Amino acid sequence: MHELMQHWNTAYSIAKNDISSDTIVIQYEDFCMSPENCFEKSGIEKFIKRRAKPIALEKRFHNISNTNARYIELFEDIIIGKGIWEDFGYNLNI
């Protein structure tokens, strides 16, 4: 788990350094909650000057759901501590 979190910290740190004022960031939880509204609210539709159209998805992708709680529960006895994830709104001080 600690190696996974170190990797996540490194990857998100690199990504954060690459974010500029014209970068559009979409959070996984927002997309899971409302994929249709996520593109409009994030500004992607305005950026590409097109309205997002629904696409045909494989049956296994019809129900989008946030599964983070399941993973966090598996590691509830591990103290993760501070990391770049906090800059993206995640609290892993569990």
N, C-alpha and C. Protein backbone atom coordinates (compact mmCIF):
# COMPACT_ATOMS: atom_id res chain seq x y z
N MET A 1 0.82 -1.19 0.00
CA MET A 1 0.00 0.00 0.00
C MET A 1 0.87 1.26 0.00
N HIS A 2 1.94 1.23 0.79
CA HIS A 2 2.78 2.42 0.86
C HIS A 2 3.46 2.70 -0.49
N GLU A 3 3.87 1.66 -1.20
CA GLU A 3 4.47 1.86 -2.52
C GLU A 3 3.45 2.43 -3.50
N LEU A 4 2.21 1.96 -3.41
CA LEU A 4 1.15 2.48 -4.27
C LEU A 4 0.93 3.96 -3.99
N MET A 5 0.90 4.34 -2.73
CA MET A 5 0.68 5.73 -2.37
C MET A 5 1.88 6.60 -2.78
N GLN A 6 3.09 6.07 -2.69
CA GLN A 6 4.26 6.82 -3.16
C GLN A 6 4.16 7.07 -4.66
N HIS A 7 3.73 6.03 -5.38
CA HIS A 7 3.56 6.17 -6.84
C HIS A 7 2.49 7.22 -7.14
N TRP A 8 1.35 7.15 -6.43
CA TRP A 8 0.27 8.11 -6.63
C TRP A 8 0.77 9.53 -6.34
N ASN A 9 1.52 9.68 -5.27
CA ASN A 9 2.04 10.99 -4.90
C ASN A 9 2.96 11.53 -6.00
N THR A 10 3.82 10.68 -6.53
CA THR A 10 4.73 11.10 -7.60
C THR A 10 3.96 11.46 -8.87
N ALA A 11 3.03 10.59 -9.26
CA ALA A 11 2.26 10.82 -10.50
C ALA A 11 1.42 12.09 -10.41
N TYR A 12 0.73 12.29 -9.29
CA TYR A 12 -0.10 13.48 -9.14
C TYR A 12 0.74 14.74 -9.01
N SER A 13 1.93 14.63 -8.42
CA SER A 13 2.83 15.79 -8.33
C SER A 13 3.27 16.23 -9.72
N ILE A 14 3.60 15.27 -10.56
CA ILE A 14 3.98 15.58 -11.95
C ILE A 14 2.81 16.20 -12.68
N ALA A 15 1.63 15.62 -12.52
CA ALA A 15 0.43 16.15 -13.18
C ALA A 15 0.14 17.57 -12.70
N LYS A 16 0.24 17.80 -11.41
CA LYS A 16 -0.04 19.14 -10.87
C LYS A 16 0.93 20.17 -11.44
N ASN A 17 2.18 19.79 -11.60
CA ASN A 17 3.17 20.72 -12.19
C ASN A 17 2.84 21.05 -13.64
N ASP A 18 2.14 20.15 -14.33
CA ASP A 18 1.78 20.36 -15.73
C ASP A 18 0.49 21.14 -15.92
N ILE A 19 -0.28 21.32 -14.84
CA ILE A 19 -1.55 22.03 -14.94
C ILE A 19 -1.29 23.52 -15.15
N SER A 20 -1.94 24.06 -16.17
CA SER A 20 -1.83 25.49 -16.43
C SER A 20 -3.23 26.11 -16.33
N SER A 21 -3.32 27.39 -16.56
CA SER A 21 -4.60 28.08 -16.42
C SER A 21 -5.64 27.59 -17.43
N ASP A 22 -5.20 26.99 -18.53
CA ASP A 22 -6.17 26.51 -19.51
C ASP A 22 -6.40 24.99 -19.42
N THR A 23 -5.94 24.39 -18.33
CA THR A 23 -6.15 22.95 -18.12
C THR A 23 -7.51 22.72 -17.49
N ILE A 24 -8.23 21.74 -18.00
CA ILE A 24 -9.53 21.36 -17.44
C ILE A 24 -9.34 20.10 -16.63
N VAL A 25 -9.69 20.17 -15.36
CA VAL A 25 -9.56 19.03 -14.46
C VAL A 25 -10.95 18.56 -14.07
N ILE A 26 -11.19 17.27 -14.24
CA ILE A 26 -12.47 16.66 -13.87
C ILE A 26 -12.20 15.65 -12.78
N GLN A 27 -12.94 15.74 -11.69
CA GLN A 27 -12.76 14.77 -10.62
C GLN A 27 -13.61 13.54 -10.87
N TYR A 28 -13.04 12.41 -10.55
CA TYR A 28 -13.68 11.10 -10.71
C TYR A 28 -15.06 11.08 -10.07
N GLU A 29 -15.16 11.60 -8.84
CA GLU A 29 -16.42 11.58 -8.11
C GLU A 29 -17.49 12.41 -8.81
N ASP A 30 -17.11 13.55 -9.36
CA ASP A 30 -18.06 14.39 -10.10
C ASP A 30 -18.54 13.68 -11.35
N PHE A 31 -17.63 13.03 -12.05
CA PHE A 31 -18.00 12.29 -13.26
C PHE A 31 -18.95 11.14 -12.91
N CYS A 32 -18.66 10.41 -11.83
CA CYS A 32 -19.53 9.31 -11.43
C CYS A 32 -20.92 9.80 -11.04
N MET A 33 -20.98 10.95 -10.37
CA MET A 33 -22.25 11.47 -9.91
C MET A 33 -23.13 11.92 -11.08
N SER A 34 -22.53 12.55 -12.07
CA SER A 34 -23.31 13.09 -13.18
C SER A 34 -22.44 13.26 -14.42
N PRO A 35 -22.23 12.18 -15.16
CA PRO A 35 -21.37 12.29 -16.35
C PRO A 35 -21.88 13.31 -17.35
N GLU A 36 -23.21 13.41 -17.48
CA GLU A 36 -23.78 14.34 -18.46
C GLU A 36 -23.45 15.79 -18.12
N ASN A 37 -23.57 16.14 -16.84
CA ASN A 37 -23.33 17.52 -16.42
C ASN A 37 -21.85 17.83 -16.24
N CYS A 38 -21.05 16.81 -16.07
CA CYS A 38 -19.63 17.01 -15.80
C CYS A 38 -18.94 17.77 -16.94
N PHE A 39 -19.26 17.44 -18.16
CA PHE A 39 -18.61 18.08 -19.30
C PHE A 39 -19.03 19.54 -19.43
N GLU A 40 -20.31 19.81 -19.17
CA GLU A 40 -20.80 21.18 -19.27
C GLU A 40 -20.21 22.04 -18.15
N LYS A 41 -20.28 21.55 -16.92
CA LYS A 41 -19.79 22.31 -15.77
C LYS A 41 -18.28 22.54 -15.83
N SER A 42 -17.55 21.59 -16.36
CA SER A 42 -16.09 21.70 -16.39
C SER A 42 -15.59 22.69 -17.44
N GLY A 43 -16.45 23.00 -18.40
CA GLY A 43 -16.04 23.92 -19.46
C GLY A 43 -15.51 23.22 -20.70
N ILE A 44 -15.54 21.89 -20.70
CA ILE A 44 -15.04 21.15 -21.87
C ILE A 44 -15.86 21.48 -23.11
N GLU A 45 -17.18 21.52 -22.96
CA GLU A 45 -18.03 21.80 -24.12
C GLU A 45 -17.71 23.18 -24.72
N LYS A 46 -17.51 24.16 -23.85
CA LYS A 46 -17.16 25.50 -24.32
C LYS A 46 -15.80 25.49 -25.00
N PHE A 47 -14.85 24.75 -24.41
CA PHE A 47 -13.50 24.68 -24.95
C PHE A 47 -13.49 24.07 -26.35
N ILE A 48 -14.22 22.98 -26.54
CA ILE A 48 -14.23 22.32 -27.86
C ILE A 48 -15.31 22.87 -28.78
N LYS A 49 -16.12 23.81 -28.25
CA LYS A 49 -17.18 24.48 -29.02
C LYS A 49 -18.18 23.48 -29.58
N ARG A 50 -18.47 22.48 -28.79
CA ARG A 50 -19.47 21.47 -29.18
C ARG A 50 -20.17 20.97 -27.94
N ARG A 51 -21.39 20.59 -28.11
CA ARG A 51 -22.15 19.96 -27.03
C ARG A 51 -21.77 18.48 -27.01
N ALA A 52 -21.49 17.95 -25.82
CA ALA A 52 -21.14 16.53 -25.70
C ALA A 52 -22.34 15.68 -26.07
N LYS A 53 -22.11 14.66 -26.86
CA LYS A 53 -23.18 13.75 -27.26
C LYS A 53 -22.99 12.42 -26.54
N PRO A 54 -24.09 11.82 -26.12
CA PRO A 54 -23.96 10.49 -25.52
C PRO A 54 -23.40 9.51 -26.55
N ILE A 55 -22.58 8.60 -26.10
CA ILE A 55 -22.05 7.58 -27.01
C ILE A 55 -22.55 6.22 -26.56
N ALA A 56 -22.56 5.30 -27.48
CA ALA A 56 -22.98 3.94 -27.14
C ALA A 56 -21.87 3.28 -26.33
N LEU A 57 -22.21 2.84 -25.15
CA LEU A 57 -21.23 2.19 -24.28
C LEU A 57 -21.51 0.69 -24.20
N GLU A 58 -20.45 -0.05 -23.95
CA GLU A 58 -20.64 -1.46 -23.67
C GLU A 58 -21.53 -1.59 -22.44
N LYS A 59 -22.28 -2.66 -22.36
CA LYS A 59 -23.23 -2.86 -21.27
C LYS A 59 -22.57 -2.73 -19.91
N ARG A 60 -21.33 -3.19 -19.76
CA ARG A 60 -20.67 -3.15 -18.46
C ARG A 60 -20.36 -1.73 -17.99
N PHE A 61 -20.45 -0.75 -18.88
CA PHE A 61 -20.18 0.64 -18.51
C PHE A 61 -21.45 1.47 -18.34
N HIS A 62 -22.61 0.85 -18.43
CA HIS A 62 -23.87 1.60 -18.35
C HIS A 62 -24.08 2.24 -16.99
N ASN A 63 -23.67 1.58 -15.94
CA ASN A 63 -23.84 2.12 -14.60
C ASN A 63 -22.48 2.58 -14.06
N ILE A 64 -22.29 3.87 -14.05
CA ILE A 64 -21.05 4.45 -13.53
C ILE A 64 -21.26 4.71 -12.05
N SER A 65 -20.33 4.22 -11.23
CA SER A 65 -20.47 4.47 -9.80
C SER A 65 -19.10 4.69 -9.17
N ASN A 66 -19.11 5.47 -8.11
CA ASN A 66 -17.90 5.78 -7.37
C ASN A 66 -17.61 4.62 -6.43
N THR A 67 -16.48 3.97 -6.61
CA THR A 67 -16.12 2.81 -5.79
C THR A 67 -14.99 3.11 -4.81
N ASN A 68 -14.67 4.39 -4.63
CA ASN A 68 -13.57 4.76 -3.74
C ASN A 68 -13.77 4.24 -2.32
N ALA A 69 -14.97 4.34 -1.79
CA ALA A 69 -15.23 3.95 -0.39
C ALA A 69 -14.82 2.50 -0.15
N ARG A 70 -15.05 1.64 -1.13
CA ARG A 70 -14.69 0.23 -0.99
C ARG A 70 -13.18 0.07 -0.80
N TYR A 71 -12.39 0.81 -1.57
CA TYR A 71 -10.94 0.71 -1.46
C TYR A 71 -10.43 1.31 -0.16
N ILE A 72 -10.98 2.45 0.22
CA ILE A 72 -10.56 3.09 1.46
C ILE A 72 -10.87 2.19 2.66
N GLU A 73 -12.01 1.52 2.61
CA GLU A 73 -12.39 0.61 3.70
C GLU A 73 -11.39 -0.54 3.84
N LEU A 74 -10.85 -1.02 2.75
CA LEU A 74 -9.88 -2.11 2.80
C LEU A 74 -8.62 -1.74 3.57
N PHE A 75 -8.30 -0.45 3.57
CA PHE A 75 -7.06 0.00 4.18
C PHE A 75 -7.30 0.92 5.37
N GLU A 76 -8.43 0.73 6.05
CA GLU A 76 -8.79 1.65 7.12
C GLU A 76 -7.82 1.63 8.31
N ASP A 77 -7.06 0.57 8.47
CA ASP A 77 -6.11 0.50 9.58
C ASP A 77 -4.74 1.07 9.24
N ILE A 78 -4.56 1.51 8.01
CA ILE A 78 -3.28 2.05 7.57
C ILE A 78 -3.36 3.58 7.58
N ILE A 79 -2.41 4.21 8.22
CA ILE A 79 -2.36 5.67 8.23
C ILE A 79 -1.56 6.11 7.00
N ILE A 80 -2.21 6.82 6.12
CA ILE A 80 -1.58 7.24 4.87
C ILE A 80 -0.80 8.53 5.07
N GLY A 81 -1.40 9.50 5.71
CA GLY A 81 -0.72 10.77 5.93
C GLY A 81 -0.92 11.76 4.80
N LYS A 82 -0.10 12.79 4.81
CA LYS A 82 -0.24 13.87 3.84
C LYS A 82 0.40 13.50 2.50
N GLY A 83 -0.17 14.08 1.45
CA GLY A 83 0.36 13.87 0.12
C GLY A 83 -0.30 14.81 -0.86
N ILE A 84 0.10 14.73 -2.10
CA ILE A 84 -0.42 15.60 -3.16
C ILE A 84 -1.92 15.44 -3.33
N TRP A 85 -2.46 14.29 -2.97
CA TRP A 85 -3.89 14.03 -3.11
C TRP A 85 -4.72 15.08 -2.38
N GLU A 86 -4.17 15.67 -1.32
CA GLU A 86 -4.89 16.71 -0.59
C GLU A 86 -5.13 17.93 -1.48
N ASP A 87 -4.19 18.23 -2.38
CA ASP A 87 -4.36 19.36 -3.30
C ASP A 87 -5.49 19.11 -4.28
N PHE A 88 -5.87 17.87 -4.48
CA PHE A 88 -6.95 17.51 -5.38
C PHE A 88 -8.25 17.21 -4.63
N GLY A 89 -8.26 17.49 -3.32
CA GLY A 89 -9.48 17.36 -2.54
C GLY A 89 -9.71 16.03 -1.87
N TYR A 90 -8.72 15.17 -1.83
CA TYR A 90 -8.87 13.86 -1.19
C TYR A 90 -8.27 13.89 0.20
N ASN A 91 -8.96 13.34 1.17
CA ASN A 91 -8.48 13.26 2.53
C ASN A 91 -8.22 11.78 2.86
N LEU A 92 -6.97 11.41 2.95
CA LEU A 92 -6.62 10.01 3.21
C LEU A 92 -6.02 9.83 4.59
N ASN A 93 -6.26 10.75 5.47
CA ASN A 93 -5.81 10.61 6.85
C ASN A 93 -6.79 9.72 7.60
N ILE A 94 -6.80 8.48 7.18
CA ILE A 94 -7.76 7.52 7.76
C ILE A 94 -7.07 6.67 8.79
